[in-house]
N, C-alpha and C. Protein backbone atom coordinates (compact mmCIF):
# COMPACT_ATOMS: atom_id res chain seq x y z
N MET A 1 -10.86 13.08 10.91
CA MET A 1 -9.79 12.96 11.88
C MET A 1 -8.45 12.76 11.19
N ILE A 2 -8.38 11.83 10.22
CA ILE A 2 -7.12 11.57 9.52
C ILE A 2 -6.67 12.82 8.79
N SER A 3 -7.60 13.55 8.14
CA SER A 3 -7.19 14.73 7.39
C SER A 3 -6.60 15.77 8.33
N PHE A 4 -7.12 15.89 9.55
CA PHE A 4 -6.54 16.80 10.54
C PHE A 4 -5.09 16.42 10.82
N PHE A 5 -4.86 15.12 11.04
CA PHE A 5 -3.49 14.68 11.34
C PHE A 5 -2.58 14.89 10.15
N LEU A 6 -3.09 14.65 8.93
CA LEU A 6 -2.25 14.88 7.74
C LEU A 6 -1.85 16.34 7.65
N GLN A 7 -2.80 17.24 7.92
CA GLN A 7 -2.48 18.66 7.87
C GLN A 7 -1.47 19.00 8.96
N SER A 8 -1.68 18.46 10.15
CA SER A 8 -0.75 18.78 11.23
C SER A 8 0.61 18.14 11.02
N ALA A 9 0.68 17.10 10.20
CA ALA A 9 1.97 16.47 9.90
C ALA A 9 2.65 17.17 8.74
N GLY A 10 2.02 18.20 8.21
CA GLY A 10 2.64 18.99 7.16
C GLY A 10 2.39 18.48 5.75
N ALA A 11 1.45 17.56 5.60
CA ALA A 11 1.17 17.05 4.25
C ALA A 11 0.44 18.12 3.46
N ARG A 12 0.73 18.20 2.19
CA ARG A 12 0.06 19.15 1.32
C ARG A 12 -0.70 18.40 0.23
N ILE A 13 -1.82 18.96 -0.11
CA ILE A 13 -2.58 18.41 -1.22
C ILE A 13 -2.44 19.39 -2.37
N GLU A 14 -1.95 18.92 -3.49
CA GLU A 14 -1.77 19.78 -4.64
C GLU A 14 -2.94 19.63 -5.59
N ALA A 15 -3.34 20.75 -6.15
CA ALA A 15 -4.44 20.73 -7.11
C ALA A 15 -3.98 20.05 -8.39
N LEU A 16 -4.86 19.28 -8.98
CA LEU A 16 -4.56 18.59 -10.23
C LEU A 16 -5.27 19.30 -11.37
N ASP A 17 -4.79 19.12 -12.56
CA ASP A 17 -5.35 19.75 -13.74
C ASP A 17 -6.73 19.16 -14.06
N ALA A 18 -7.77 19.94 -13.83
CA ALA A 18 -9.14 19.46 -14.00
C ALA A 18 -9.58 19.44 -15.46
N ARG A 19 -8.72 19.86 -16.36
CA ARG A 19 -9.11 19.89 -17.78
C ARG A 19 -8.98 18.52 -18.43
N THR A 20 -8.45 17.56 -17.72
CA THR A 20 -8.21 16.24 -18.28
C THR A 20 -9.47 15.41 -18.24
N SER A 21 -9.63 14.50 -19.19
CA SER A 21 -10.80 13.63 -19.18
C SER A 21 -10.37 12.18 -19.32
N TRP A 22 -11.22 11.30 -18.83
CA TRP A 22 -11.01 9.86 -18.97
C TRP A 22 -12.10 9.35 -19.88
N LYS A 23 -11.76 8.41 -20.74
CA LYS A 23 -12.75 7.83 -21.63
C LYS A 23 -12.73 6.31 -21.47
N PRO A 24 -13.92 5.70 -21.33
CA PRO A 24 -13.95 4.25 -21.20
C PRO A 24 -13.68 3.58 -22.53
N ARG A 25 -13.02 2.45 -22.50
CA ARG A 25 -12.80 1.65 -23.70
C ARG A 25 -12.98 0.19 -23.32
N ALA A 26 -13.82 -0.50 -24.04
CA ALA A 26 -14.03 -1.92 -23.75
C ALA A 26 -12.76 -2.68 -24.06
N SER A 27 -12.43 -3.64 -23.24
CA SER A 27 -11.26 -4.47 -23.47
C SER A 27 -11.47 -5.79 -22.76
N VAL A 28 -10.57 -6.69 -23.00
CA VAL A 28 -10.60 -7.95 -22.28
C VAL A 28 -9.62 -7.82 -21.14
N ALA A 29 -10.10 -7.94 -19.93
CA ALA A 29 -9.25 -7.82 -18.75
C ALA A 29 -8.64 -9.18 -18.47
N GLY A 30 -7.36 -9.34 -18.74
CA GLY A 30 -6.59 -10.59 -18.61
C GLY A 30 -7.25 -11.71 -17.85
N GLY A 31 -6.63 -12.82 -17.87
CA GLY A 31 -7.08 -13.95 -17.09
C GLY A 31 -8.38 -14.56 -17.55
N ALA A 32 -8.33 -15.72 -18.11
CA ALA A 32 -9.49 -16.52 -18.49
C ALA A 32 -10.42 -15.81 -19.47
N GLY A 33 -9.94 -14.76 -20.14
CA GLY A 33 -10.74 -14.10 -21.16
C GLY A 33 -12.00 -13.44 -20.65
N ARG A 34 -12.00 -12.99 -19.42
CA ARG A 34 -13.18 -12.34 -18.86
C ARG A 34 -13.26 -10.91 -19.38
N PRO A 35 -14.42 -10.52 -19.90
CA PRO A 35 -14.55 -9.16 -20.40
C PRO A 35 -14.53 -8.15 -19.26
N GLY A 36 -14.02 -6.97 -19.54
CA GLY A 36 -13.99 -5.92 -18.54
C GLY A 36 -13.96 -4.57 -19.21
N VAL A 37 -13.95 -3.53 -18.43
CA VAL A 37 -13.86 -2.18 -18.95
C VAL A 37 -12.61 -1.55 -18.37
N ARG A 38 -11.87 -0.91 -19.22
CA ARG A 38 -10.66 -0.23 -18.78
C ARG A 38 -10.81 1.24 -19.12
N PHE A 39 -10.38 2.12 -18.23
CA PHE A 39 -10.39 3.55 -18.49
C PHE A 39 -9.04 3.93 -19.05
N VAL A 40 -9.06 4.59 -20.20
CA VAL A 40 -7.84 5.02 -20.84
C VAL A 40 -7.73 6.52 -20.65
N GLN A 41 -6.60 6.94 -20.14
CA GLN A 41 -6.40 8.34 -19.86
C GLN A 41 -6.22 9.13 -21.15
N ASP A 42 -6.88 10.26 -21.25
CA ASP A 42 -6.74 11.14 -22.40
C ASP A 42 -6.06 12.42 -21.92
N GLY A 43 -4.87 12.68 -22.38
CA GLY A 43 -4.18 13.92 -22.04
C GLY A 43 -3.22 13.80 -20.89
N GLY A 44 -3.08 12.64 -20.27
CA GLY A 44 -2.07 12.42 -19.26
C GLY A 44 -2.38 12.98 -17.88
N GLY A 45 -3.58 13.52 -17.63
CA GLY A 45 -3.90 14.05 -16.31
C GLY A 45 -4.40 12.98 -15.37
N ASP A 46 -4.75 13.37 -14.15
CA ASP A 46 -5.15 12.41 -13.14
C ASP A 46 -6.62 12.50 -12.75
N LEU A 47 -7.35 13.47 -13.26
CA LEU A 47 -8.75 13.62 -12.86
C LEU A 47 -9.68 13.10 -13.94
N ARG A 48 -10.80 12.58 -13.51
CA ARG A 48 -11.84 12.13 -14.43
C ARG A 48 -12.87 13.23 -14.53
N ASP A 49 -13.45 13.40 -15.70
CA ASP A 49 -14.46 14.45 -15.86
C ASP A 49 -15.88 13.94 -15.70
N ASP A 50 -16.04 12.67 -15.32
CA ASP A 50 -17.38 12.11 -15.17
C ASP A 50 -17.89 12.19 -13.73
N GLY A 51 -17.13 12.83 -12.84
CA GLY A 51 -17.56 13.01 -11.46
C GLY A 51 -17.40 11.79 -10.58
N ARG A 52 -16.86 10.70 -11.12
CA ARG A 52 -16.70 9.48 -10.33
C ARG A 52 -15.35 9.47 -9.62
N MET A 53 -15.24 8.60 -8.67
CA MET A 53 -14.01 8.46 -7.89
C MET A 53 -12.84 8.08 -8.78
N GLU A 54 -11.71 8.74 -8.57
CA GLU A 54 -10.50 8.40 -9.31
C GLU A 54 -9.99 7.04 -8.87
N GLN A 55 -9.34 6.32 -9.76
CA GLN A 55 -8.82 4.99 -9.47
C GLN A 55 -7.42 5.13 -8.87
N ARG A 56 -7.39 5.34 -7.55
CA ARG A 56 -6.12 5.49 -6.84
C ARG A 56 -6.36 5.30 -5.35
N ILE A 57 -5.30 5.03 -4.62
CA ILE A 57 -5.35 4.95 -3.17
C ILE A 57 -4.39 6.00 -2.64
N SER A 58 -4.83 6.82 -1.71
CA SER A 58 -4.01 7.89 -1.16
C SER A 58 -3.35 7.50 0.16
N LEU A 59 -4.08 6.73 0.97
CA LEU A 59 -3.64 6.46 2.33
C LEU A 59 -4.12 5.09 2.76
N ILE A 60 -3.26 4.32 3.40
CA ILE A 60 -3.65 3.08 4.05
C ILE A 60 -3.26 3.23 5.51
N THR A 61 -4.20 2.98 6.41
CA THR A 61 -3.95 3.09 7.84
C THR A 61 -4.01 1.71 8.47
N LEU A 62 -2.95 1.34 9.18
CA LEU A 62 -2.92 0.08 9.92
C LEU A 62 -3.15 0.37 11.39
N GLY A 63 -4.08 -0.35 12.00
CA GLY A 63 -4.32 -0.20 13.43
C GLY A 63 -3.24 -0.91 14.22
N VAL A 64 -2.69 -0.24 15.23
CA VAL A 64 -1.61 -0.81 16.04
C VAL A 64 -1.94 -0.71 17.52
N ALA A 65 -1.43 -1.65 18.30
CA ALA A 65 -1.67 -1.64 19.75
C ALA A 65 -0.71 -0.69 20.46
N ASP A 66 0.52 -0.59 19.98
CA ASP A 66 1.55 0.22 20.62
C ASP A 66 2.29 0.98 19.52
N LEU A 67 2.04 2.28 19.41
CA LEU A 67 2.61 3.07 18.32
C LEU A 67 4.14 3.07 18.36
N GLY A 68 4.72 3.18 19.54
CA GLY A 68 6.19 3.17 19.64
C GLY A 68 6.79 1.88 19.11
N ARG A 69 6.21 0.75 19.49
CA ARG A 69 6.69 -0.54 19.02
C ARG A 69 6.54 -0.65 17.51
N ALA A 70 5.40 -0.21 16.98
CA ALA A 70 5.16 -0.27 15.54
C ALA A 70 6.14 0.63 14.79
N MET A 71 6.38 1.83 15.31
CA MET A 71 7.35 2.74 14.66
C MET A 71 8.75 2.15 14.72
N ASP A 72 9.10 1.49 15.82
CA ASP A 72 10.41 0.83 15.91
C ASP A 72 10.54 -0.27 14.85
N PHE A 73 9.47 -1.04 14.65
CA PHE A 73 9.50 -2.10 13.64
C PHE A 73 9.72 -1.52 12.25
N TYR A 74 8.90 -0.55 11.86
CA TYR A 74 9.03 0.02 10.52
C TYR A 74 10.35 0.79 10.38
N GLY A 75 10.82 1.39 11.46
CA GLY A 75 12.15 2.01 11.45
C GLY A 75 13.24 0.97 11.21
N GLY A 76 13.05 -0.24 11.77
CA GLY A 76 13.99 -1.33 11.55
C GLY A 76 14.03 -1.78 10.10
N LEU A 77 12.97 -1.49 9.36
CA LEU A 77 12.95 -1.79 7.92
C LEU A 77 13.55 -0.64 7.11
N GLY A 78 13.95 0.43 7.81
CA GLY A 78 14.53 1.57 7.12
C GLY A 78 13.52 2.65 6.75
N TRP A 79 12.27 2.52 7.20
CA TRP A 79 11.25 3.51 6.89
C TRP A 79 11.40 4.70 7.83
N ARG A 80 11.19 5.89 7.30
CA ARG A 80 11.23 7.12 8.10
C ARG A 80 9.83 7.71 8.16
N GLY A 81 9.36 7.95 9.37
CA GLY A 81 8.04 8.53 9.55
C GLY A 81 8.05 9.47 10.73
N ALA A 82 6.90 10.09 10.97
CA ALA A 82 6.79 11.04 12.08
C ALA A 82 5.39 10.93 12.69
N SER A 83 5.34 11.20 14.00
CA SER A 83 4.07 11.23 14.72
C SER A 83 3.85 12.63 15.26
N PRO A 84 2.76 13.28 14.85
CA PRO A 84 2.50 14.63 15.36
C PRO A 84 1.97 14.66 16.79
N ASP A 85 1.46 13.50 17.29
CA ASP A 85 0.77 13.54 18.58
C ASP A 85 0.94 12.29 19.45
N GLY A 86 1.71 11.31 19.01
CA GLY A 86 1.88 10.09 19.78
C GLY A 86 0.78 9.07 19.62
N GLU A 87 -0.24 9.37 18.80
CA GLU A 87 -1.32 8.43 18.55
C GLU A 87 -1.32 7.90 17.12
N VAL A 88 -0.71 8.64 16.19
CA VAL A 88 -0.68 8.29 14.78
C VAL A 88 0.69 8.65 14.22
N ALA A 89 1.15 7.88 13.23
CA ALA A 89 2.41 8.19 12.56
C ALA A 89 2.19 8.06 11.06
N PHE A 90 2.92 8.88 10.29
CA PHE A 90 2.77 8.89 8.84
C PHE A 90 4.10 8.62 8.17
N TYR A 91 4.03 7.83 7.10
CA TYR A 91 5.21 7.46 6.30
C TYR A 91 4.89 7.73 4.84
N GLN A 92 5.72 8.52 4.18
CA GLN A 92 5.56 8.69 2.73
C GLN A 92 5.95 7.38 2.08
N ALA A 93 5.10 6.84 1.26
CA ALA A 93 5.35 5.54 0.63
C ALA A 93 5.09 5.68 -0.87
N GLY A 94 6.10 6.17 -1.58
CA GLY A 94 5.91 6.45 -3.00
C GLY A 94 4.90 7.56 -3.14
N GLY A 95 3.89 7.34 -3.96
CA GLY A 95 2.87 8.35 -4.19
C GLY A 95 1.70 8.28 -3.23
N MET A 96 1.86 7.56 -2.15
CA MET A 96 0.79 7.45 -1.16
C MET A 96 1.37 7.54 0.24
N VAL A 97 0.52 7.42 1.24
CA VAL A 97 0.94 7.51 2.63
C VAL A 97 0.49 6.26 3.38
N LEU A 98 1.39 5.71 4.20
CA LEU A 98 1.03 4.66 5.14
C LEU A 98 0.94 5.31 6.50
N ALA A 99 -0.16 5.06 7.20
CA ALA A 99 -0.34 5.58 8.55
C ALA A 99 -0.42 4.43 9.54
N LEU A 100 0.11 4.64 10.72
CA LEU A 100 -0.03 3.72 11.86
C LEU A 100 -0.82 4.50 12.90
N TRP A 101 -1.96 3.94 13.33
CA TRP A 101 -2.81 4.66 14.28
C TRP A 101 -3.22 3.68 15.36
N LEU A 102 -3.34 4.17 16.57
CA LEU A 102 -3.79 3.31 17.66
C LEU A 102 -5.08 2.60 17.24
N ARG A 103 -5.10 1.30 17.42
CA ARG A 103 -6.17 0.45 16.89
C ARG A 103 -7.55 0.88 17.38
N ASP A 104 -7.68 1.22 18.67
CA ASP A 104 -8.99 1.61 19.19
C ASP A 104 -9.46 2.92 18.57
N LYS A 105 -8.54 3.84 18.35
CA LYS A 105 -8.90 5.13 17.72
C LYS A 105 -9.33 4.91 16.27
N LEU A 106 -8.59 4.04 15.55
CA LEU A 106 -8.93 3.75 14.17
C LEU A 106 -10.30 3.09 14.07
N ALA A 107 -10.59 2.13 14.94
CA ALA A 107 -11.89 1.46 14.92
C ALA A 107 -13.01 2.46 15.18
N GLU A 108 -12.82 3.34 16.16
CA GLU A 108 -13.84 4.34 16.47
C GLU A 108 -14.06 5.27 15.28
N ASP A 109 -12.97 5.75 14.69
CA ASP A 109 -13.08 6.68 13.57
C ASP A 109 -13.68 6.00 12.34
N SER A 110 -13.43 4.71 12.17
CA SER A 110 -13.94 3.96 11.01
C SER A 110 -15.35 3.43 11.25
N VAL A 111 -15.89 3.62 12.45
CA VAL A 111 -17.23 3.20 12.83
C VAL A 111 -17.40 1.68 12.67
N VAL A 112 -16.42 0.93 13.23
CA VAL A 112 -16.49 -0.53 13.20
C VAL A 112 -16.21 -1.08 14.59
N GLU A 113 -16.70 -2.28 14.83
CA GLU A 113 -16.37 -3.00 16.05
C GLU A 113 -15.06 -3.73 15.79
N ASP A 114 -14.09 -3.58 16.67
CA ASP A 114 -12.80 -4.25 16.51
C ASP A 114 -12.85 -5.60 17.19
N GLY A 115 -12.96 -6.64 16.37
CA GLY A 115 -12.98 -7.99 16.91
C GLY A 115 -11.59 -8.59 17.03
N GLY A 116 -10.57 -7.77 16.74
CA GLY A 116 -9.19 -8.26 16.75
C GLY A 116 -8.94 -9.15 15.56
N GLY A 117 -7.74 -9.61 15.43
CA GLY A 117 -7.40 -10.51 14.33
C GLY A 117 -7.25 -9.81 13.01
N TRP A 118 -7.15 -10.62 11.99
CA TRP A 118 -6.91 -10.13 10.64
C TRP A 118 -8.13 -9.41 10.08
N GLY A 119 -7.91 -8.29 9.43
CA GLY A 119 -9.00 -7.47 8.91
C GLY A 119 -9.34 -7.70 7.45
N GLY A 120 -8.77 -8.73 6.81
CA GLY A 120 -9.13 -9.03 5.44
C GLY A 120 -8.38 -8.21 4.40
N ILE A 121 -7.24 -7.64 4.76
CA ILE A 121 -6.44 -6.87 3.81
C ILE A 121 -4.97 -7.20 4.02
N THR A 122 -4.24 -7.31 2.93
CA THR A 122 -2.82 -7.59 3.01
C THR A 122 -2.07 -6.60 2.14
N PRO A 123 -1.36 -5.64 2.74
CA PRO A 123 -0.53 -4.75 1.93
C PRO A 123 0.58 -5.57 1.25
N ALA A 124 1.08 -5.06 0.15
CA ALA A 124 2.14 -5.77 -0.56
C ALA A 124 3.27 -4.83 -0.94
N TYR A 125 4.47 -5.37 -0.93
CA TYR A 125 5.66 -4.67 -1.40
C TYR A 125 6.14 -5.44 -2.62
N ASN A 126 6.18 -4.78 -3.78
CA ASN A 126 6.65 -5.44 -4.98
C ASN A 126 8.13 -5.17 -5.15
N ALA A 127 8.90 -6.25 -5.25
CA ALA A 127 10.35 -6.19 -5.37
C ALA A 127 10.77 -6.33 -6.82
N ARG A 128 12.00 -5.94 -7.10
CA ARG A 128 12.54 -5.99 -8.46
C ARG A 128 13.13 -7.36 -8.83
N SER A 129 13.30 -8.23 -7.83
CA SER A 129 13.90 -9.54 -8.09
C SER A 129 13.53 -10.51 -6.96
N PRO A 130 13.66 -11.82 -7.21
CA PRO A 130 13.46 -12.78 -6.13
C PRO A 130 14.46 -12.57 -4.99
N GLU A 131 15.68 -12.16 -5.31
CA GLU A 131 16.68 -11.90 -4.27
C GLU A 131 16.26 -10.76 -3.36
N GLU A 132 15.62 -9.73 -3.94
CA GLU A 132 15.13 -8.62 -3.12
C GLU A 132 14.00 -9.09 -2.21
N VAL A 133 13.15 -10.00 -2.69
CA VAL A 133 12.09 -10.56 -1.85
C VAL A 133 12.71 -11.18 -0.60
N ASP A 134 13.72 -12.03 -0.80
CA ASP A 134 14.36 -12.70 0.33
C ASP A 134 15.03 -11.70 1.27
N ALA A 135 15.65 -10.66 0.71
CA ALA A 135 16.31 -9.64 1.53
C ALA A 135 15.31 -8.88 2.39
N VAL A 136 14.16 -8.51 1.81
CA VAL A 136 13.14 -7.78 2.57
C VAL A 136 12.56 -8.67 3.67
N LEU A 137 12.32 -9.94 3.37
CA LEU A 137 11.83 -10.86 4.41
C LEU A 137 12.84 -10.97 5.55
N ALA A 138 14.12 -11.01 5.24
CA ALA A 138 15.16 -11.08 6.27
C ALA A 138 15.18 -9.80 7.10
N GLU A 139 15.00 -8.64 6.45
CA GLU A 139 14.95 -7.36 7.17
C GLU A 139 13.77 -7.35 8.15
N ALA A 140 12.61 -7.82 7.68
CA ALA A 140 11.42 -7.85 8.54
C ALA A 140 11.65 -8.75 9.74
N ASP A 141 12.28 -9.89 9.52
CA ASP A 141 12.58 -10.81 10.61
C ASP A 141 13.53 -10.16 11.62
N ALA A 142 14.56 -9.51 11.12
CA ALA A 142 15.55 -8.85 11.99
C ALA A 142 14.94 -7.68 12.76
N ALA A 143 13.91 -7.04 12.18
CA ALA A 143 13.27 -5.89 12.83
C ALA A 143 12.23 -6.31 13.86
N GLY A 144 11.94 -7.62 13.98
CA GLY A 144 10.97 -8.08 14.97
C GLY A 144 9.69 -8.64 14.39
N GLY A 145 9.62 -8.74 13.07
CA GLY A 145 8.45 -9.35 12.44
C GLY A 145 8.61 -10.85 12.40
N THR A 146 7.61 -11.53 11.86
CA THR A 146 7.63 -12.98 11.73
C THR A 146 7.48 -13.33 10.26
N VAL A 147 8.39 -14.14 9.74
CA VAL A 147 8.26 -14.61 8.36
C VAL A 147 7.27 -15.78 8.38
N ALA A 148 6.09 -15.54 7.82
CA ALA A 148 5.04 -16.55 7.83
C ALA A 148 5.15 -17.50 6.64
N ARG A 149 5.68 -17.00 5.54
CA ARG A 149 5.90 -17.84 4.36
C ARG A 149 7.19 -17.37 3.71
N ALA A 150 8.17 -18.23 3.67
CA ALA A 150 9.45 -17.90 3.05
C ALA A 150 9.26 -17.66 1.56
N GLY A 151 10.17 -16.92 0.96
CA GLY A 151 10.11 -16.67 -0.46
C GLY A 151 10.15 -17.97 -1.25
N ALA A 152 9.29 -18.06 -2.25
CA ALA A 152 9.22 -19.27 -3.09
C ALA A 152 8.54 -18.92 -4.41
N LYS A 153 8.75 -19.76 -5.42
CA LYS A 153 8.08 -19.58 -6.71
C LYS A 153 6.58 -19.71 -6.50
N THR A 154 5.81 -18.94 -7.30
CA THR A 154 4.35 -18.94 -7.17
C THR A 154 3.71 -19.62 -8.38
N PHE A 155 2.43 -19.95 -8.24
CA PHE A 155 1.69 -20.57 -9.33
C PHE A 155 1.51 -19.61 -10.51
N TRP A 156 1.62 -18.30 -10.28
CA TRP A 156 1.40 -17.32 -11.35
C TRP A 156 2.71 -16.90 -12.03
N GLY A 157 3.80 -17.58 -11.71
CA GLY A 157 5.06 -17.32 -12.40
C GLY A 157 5.98 -16.32 -11.74
N GLY A 158 5.64 -15.90 -10.53
CA GLY A 158 6.48 -14.96 -9.80
C GLY A 158 7.17 -15.63 -8.64
N TYR A 159 7.50 -14.82 -7.64
CA TYR A 159 8.20 -15.29 -6.45
C TYR A 159 7.70 -14.42 -5.30
N SER A 160 7.26 -15.03 -4.20
CA SER A 160 6.76 -14.21 -3.09
C SER A 160 6.89 -14.92 -1.76
N GLY A 161 6.80 -14.10 -0.71
CA GLY A 161 6.78 -14.57 0.66
C GLY A 161 5.93 -13.61 1.48
N VAL A 162 5.73 -13.93 2.74
CA VAL A 162 4.89 -13.09 3.61
C VAL A 162 5.57 -12.91 4.96
N PHE A 163 5.57 -11.65 5.45
CA PHE A 163 5.96 -11.42 6.84
C PHE A 163 4.78 -10.81 7.57
N ILE A 164 4.76 -10.98 8.88
CA ILE A 164 3.70 -10.41 9.72
C ILE A 164 4.35 -9.43 10.68
N ASP A 165 3.83 -8.20 10.70
CA ASP A 165 4.40 -7.19 11.59
C ASP A 165 3.98 -7.47 13.04
N PRO A 166 4.55 -6.76 14.02
CA PRO A 166 4.25 -7.05 15.42
C PRO A 166 2.78 -6.90 15.81
N ASP A 167 1.97 -6.20 14.99
CA ASP A 167 0.55 -6.05 15.29
C ASP A 167 -0.32 -7.03 14.53
N GLY A 168 0.31 -7.99 13.85
CA GLY A 168 -0.44 -9.03 13.17
C GLY A 168 -0.83 -8.73 11.73
N HIS A 169 -0.31 -7.62 11.15
CA HIS A 169 -0.63 -7.29 9.76
C HIS A 169 0.28 -8.06 8.83
N PRO A 170 -0.30 -8.93 7.98
CA PRO A 170 0.54 -9.64 7.02
C PRO A 170 0.91 -8.73 5.85
N TRP A 171 2.14 -8.83 5.39
CA TRP A 171 2.63 -8.11 4.22
C TRP A 171 3.16 -9.14 3.23
N GLU A 172 2.65 -9.10 2.01
CA GLU A 172 3.23 -9.93 0.97
C GLU A 172 4.42 -9.17 0.38
N VAL A 173 5.50 -9.88 0.13
CA VAL A 173 6.66 -9.33 -0.56
C VAL A 173 6.79 -10.18 -1.82
N ALA A 174 6.62 -9.55 -2.99
CA ALA A 174 6.52 -10.32 -4.22
C ALA A 174 7.35 -9.73 -5.35
N HIS A 175 7.82 -10.62 -6.21
CA HIS A 175 8.43 -10.22 -7.48
C HIS A 175 7.54 -10.76 -8.58
N ASN A 176 6.99 -9.85 -9.39
CA ASN A 176 6.19 -10.24 -10.54
C ASN A 176 6.99 -9.85 -11.77
N PRO A 177 7.51 -10.83 -12.51
CA PRO A 177 8.37 -10.52 -13.65
C PRO A 177 7.65 -9.78 -14.78
N HIS A 178 6.32 -9.69 -14.71
CA HIS A 178 5.55 -9.02 -15.76
C HIS A 178 5.26 -7.56 -15.42
N TRP A 179 5.48 -7.14 -14.18
CA TRP A 179 5.21 -5.77 -13.77
C TRP A 179 6.50 -4.96 -13.82
N ILE A 180 6.37 -3.69 -14.08
CA ILE A 180 7.52 -2.80 -14.15
C ILE A 180 7.58 -1.98 -12.86
N ILE A 181 8.73 -2.04 -12.18
CA ILE A 181 8.94 -1.25 -10.96
C ILE A 181 9.82 -0.07 -11.34
N GLY A 182 9.30 1.14 -11.18
CA GLY A 182 10.07 2.34 -11.49
C GLY A 182 11.12 2.62 -10.45
N GLU A 183 12.03 3.54 -10.77
CA GLU A 183 13.08 3.92 -9.82
C GLU A 183 12.49 4.43 -8.52
N ASP A 184 11.31 5.07 -8.60
CA ASP A 184 10.66 5.62 -7.41
C ASP A 184 9.81 4.58 -6.69
N GLY A 185 9.82 3.33 -7.16
CA GLY A 185 9.05 2.26 -6.53
C GLY A 185 7.64 2.11 -7.06
N SER A 186 7.23 2.98 -7.98
CA SER A 186 5.89 2.88 -8.55
C SER A 186 5.79 1.61 -9.39
N VAL A 187 4.59 1.05 -9.44
CA VAL A 187 4.33 -0.18 -10.18
C VAL A 187 3.50 0.15 -11.41
N THR A 188 3.92 -0.36 -12.56
CA THR A 188 3.17 -0.17 -13.80
C THR A 188 2.74 -1.53 -14.31
N LEU A 189 1.45 -1.69 -14.51
CA LEU A 189 0.93 -2.93 -15.07
C LEU A 189 1.27 -2.97 -16.56
N PRO A 190 1.49 -4.18 -17.09
CA PRO A 190 1.83 -4.27 -18.52
C PRO A 190 0.64 -3.89 -19.39
N ALA A 191 0.94 -3.30 -20.54
CA ALA A 191 -0.12 -3.02 -21.51
C ALA A 191 -0.58 -4.35 -22.07
N ASP A 192 -1.84 -4.42 -22.44
CA ASP A 192 -2.41 -5.66 -22.96
C ASP A 192 -1.34 -6.50 -23.48
């Protein structure tokens, strides 16, 4: 169902260079010295040659009760999106897509019972500075959201706050001084 809407919204899927390979390399995955495995890209491509799922997210869909109200809220944050049918809307969000879909339709398509309330996921917006965190929280408040946690220093050395959109989806807005935010908004984790 979502792929139909993406096609009807004019989204294109571009073929990636399948000649690229990924090779595993053992490493220590930060924090408390816990061992982990990291995949190191060989050749700069995006596909793995081992047939396993690529490590990326293409689309996040938030269930909403009223699409018009939800689009007004995200529009109030300066986001531009489009709805091909009045039931779903799509927003280009860097290298991925955020979708807003009527909650009952999303639950049916996802084959889950909708018990209402929080679904155990919190999208995040990474800011370039603590001042940007506060500015984004103020924008969300002005657009009709609720600031659930004002911006403040965190235990991990950053600065973050949380707003809740009109449909109850919490969004963390955070500045992590160790992460690199590109001009296009992409986030790069630090090398070991």
